[in-house]
Amino acid sequence: KQWYQRRVRAVRPLEQKHETSDSISQVIINLIKQTVSLSEYVNHNVPKVNYRARCETMVTSQTQLITSEEIVEYIANDRSLFGTSEYVDKYTKPLDVVLDQELIWPLEVRLFPYM
């Protein structure tokens, strides 16, 4: 399959904030559902012959499938989620595992229990 991406320049009024009564987890779930429906639409309805032209016109014809910039900014600016540096630290540092046996004093004398 051939990948194609294009940056969409949407004109919006200044300082328009996304306001919702949903929790951040519900907003993220809705964003994932919208992205999956967009990929299903592209996979089933966009012909491979004129793929690039159809993808360019899809921004105006299928607006309900395109994620708005306000939602992405709302998720990116939310303080309850990990920041970029916290995320990288969490998934690149090795785990510090301490076994229960290491916390018991005195240590077991039998190092090899099968002997």
Protein backbone atom coordinates (compact mmCIF):
# COMPACT_ATOMS: atom_id res chain seq x y z
CA LYS A 1 0.00 0.00 0.00
CA GLN A 2 1.09 3.53 -0.70
CA TRP A 3 0.99 6.09 2.11
CA TYR A 4 -0.03 9.64 1.48
CA GLN A 5 -0.26 12.54 3.88
CA ARG A 6 -1.17 16.14 3.44
CA ARG A 7 -1.32 18.96 5.94
CA VAL A 8 -4.73 20.55 6.00
CA ARG A 9 -4.81 24.29 6.55
CA ALA A 10 -8.12 25.00 8.23
CA VAL A 11 -8.97 28.64 8.83
CA ARG A 12 -10.40 29.21 12.28
CA PRO A 13 -11.10 32.21 14.44
CA LEU A 14 -8.41 33.18 16.93
CA GLU A 15 -8.58 31.73 20.44
CA GLN A 16 -11.39 29.31 19.71
CA LYS A 17 -11.19 26.72 22.48
CA HIS A 18 -12.70 23.26 22.45
CA GLU A 19 -15.10 22.95 25.37
CA THR A 20 -16.74 19.70 26.34
CA SER A 21 -18.43 18.14 29.32
CA ASP A 22 -16.85 14.75 28.54
CA SER A 23 -13.79 13.51 30.37
CA ILE A 24 -10.42 13.48 28.61
CA SER A 25 -10.55 9.70 28.30
CA GLN A 26 -13.91 9.90 26.50
CA VAL A 27 -12.55 12.58 24.14
CA ILE A 28 -9.58 10.32 23.31
CA ILE A 29 -11.87 7.32 22.74
CA ASN A 30 -14.03 9.39 20.37
CA LEU A 31 -10.90 10.55 18.53
CA ILE A 32 -9.75 6.94 18.08
CA LYS A 33 -13.21 5.92 16.83
CA GLN A 34 -13.20 8.80 14.35
CA THR A 35 -9.72 7.83 13.11
CA VAL A 36 -10.79 4.19 12.66
CA SER A 37 -13.89 5.23 10.71
CA LEU A 38 -11.71 7.46 8.50
CA SER A 39 -9.34 4.58 7.77
CA GLU A 40 -12.26 2.24 7.01
CA TYR A 41 -13.74 4.82 4.64
CA VAL A 42 -10.43 5.29 2.84
CA ASN A 43 -9.85 1.54 2.64
CA HIS A 44 -13.27 0.71 1.21
CA ASN A 45 -14.39 3.80 -0.72
CA VAL A 46 -11.32 5.45 -2.21
CA PRO A 47 -10.30 3.83 -5.50
CA LYS A 48 -6.65 3.00 -5.96
CA VAL A 49 -6.60 4.52 -9.46
CA ASN A 50 -7.13 8.15 -8.50
CA TYR A 51 -6.06 7.87 -4.87
CA ARG A 52 -4.25 11.17 -4.38
CA ALA A 53 -6.96 13.33 -5.95
CA ARG A 54 -9.72 11.59 -3.97
CA CYS A 55 -7.81 12.03 -0.72
CA GLU A 56 -7.39 15.74 -1.42
CA THR A 57 -11.11 16.21 -2.07
CA MET A 58 -12.09 14.06 0.89
CA VAL A 59 -11.20 16.92 3.27
CA THR A 60 -14.14 18.92 1.96
CA SER A 61 -16.53 16.08 1.12
CA GLN A 62 -16.19 13.95 4.29
CA THR A 63 -15.82 16.59 7.00
CA GLN A 64 -17.38 14.38 9.71
CA LEU A 65 -14.43 11.95 9.36
CA ILE A 66 -11.71 14.60 9.69
CA THR A 67 -10.57 15.37 13.25
CA SER A 68 -10.76 19.04 14.14
CA GLU A 69 -7.66 20.92 15.21
CA GLU A 70 -9.36 22.11 18.40
CA ILE A 71 -9.77 18.53 19.68
CA VAL A 72 -6.13 17.71 19.01
CA GLU A 73 -5.00 20.88 20.79
CA TYR A 74 -7.36 20.14 23.70
CA ILE A 75 -5.80 16.69 24.14
CA ALA A 76 -2.25 17.99 23.71
CA ASN A 77 -2.73 20.76 26.29
CA ASP A 78 -4.39 18.59 28.93
CA ARG A 79 -2.28 18.49 32.10
CA SER A 80 -3.56 15.10 33.31
CA LEU A 81 -1.77 13.29 30.47
CA PHE A 82 1.94 12.56 30.27
CA GLY A 83 4.16 15.19 28.76
CA THR A 84 6.58 14.14 26.04
CA SER A 85 9.61 13.93 28.32
CA GLU A 86 7.66 11.99 30.99
CA TYR A 87 6.42 9.54 28.36
CA VAL A 88 9.91 8.95 26.98
CA ASP A 89 11.34 8.52 30.49
CA LYS A 90 8.65 6.04 31.46
CA TYR A 91 9.15 3.78 28.45
CA THR A 92 12.94 3.99 28.06
CA LYS A 93 14.11 3.52 31.66
CA PRO A 94 14.55 -0.09 32.80
CA LEU A 95 12.24 -1.36 35.52
CA ASP A 96 13.59 -1.59 39.05
CA VAL A 97 12.24 -4.92 40.22
CA VAL A 98 12.62 -5.98 43.86
CA LEU A 99 11.57 -9.49 44.79
CA ASP A 100 9.84 -10.24 48.08
CA GLN A 101 12.66 -12.63 49.01
CA GLU A 102 15.14 -9.77 48.82
CA LEU A 103 13.17 -7.82 51.44
CA ILE A 104 13.14 -10.64 54.02
CA TRP A 105 15.82 -10.65 56.71
CA PRO A 106 17.76 -12.82 57.39
CA LEU A 107 18.45 -14.12 53.92
CA GLU A 108 17.80 -17.76 53.21
CA VAL A 109 20.77 -19.99 53.82
CA ARG A 110 19.79 -22.54 51.19
CA LEU A 111 20.63 -20.85 47.94
CA PHE A 112 19.89 -23.99 45.95
CA PRO A 113 16.70 -25.55 47.35
CA TYR A 114 16.95 -28.70 45.24
CA MET A 115 20.21 -29.79 46.96
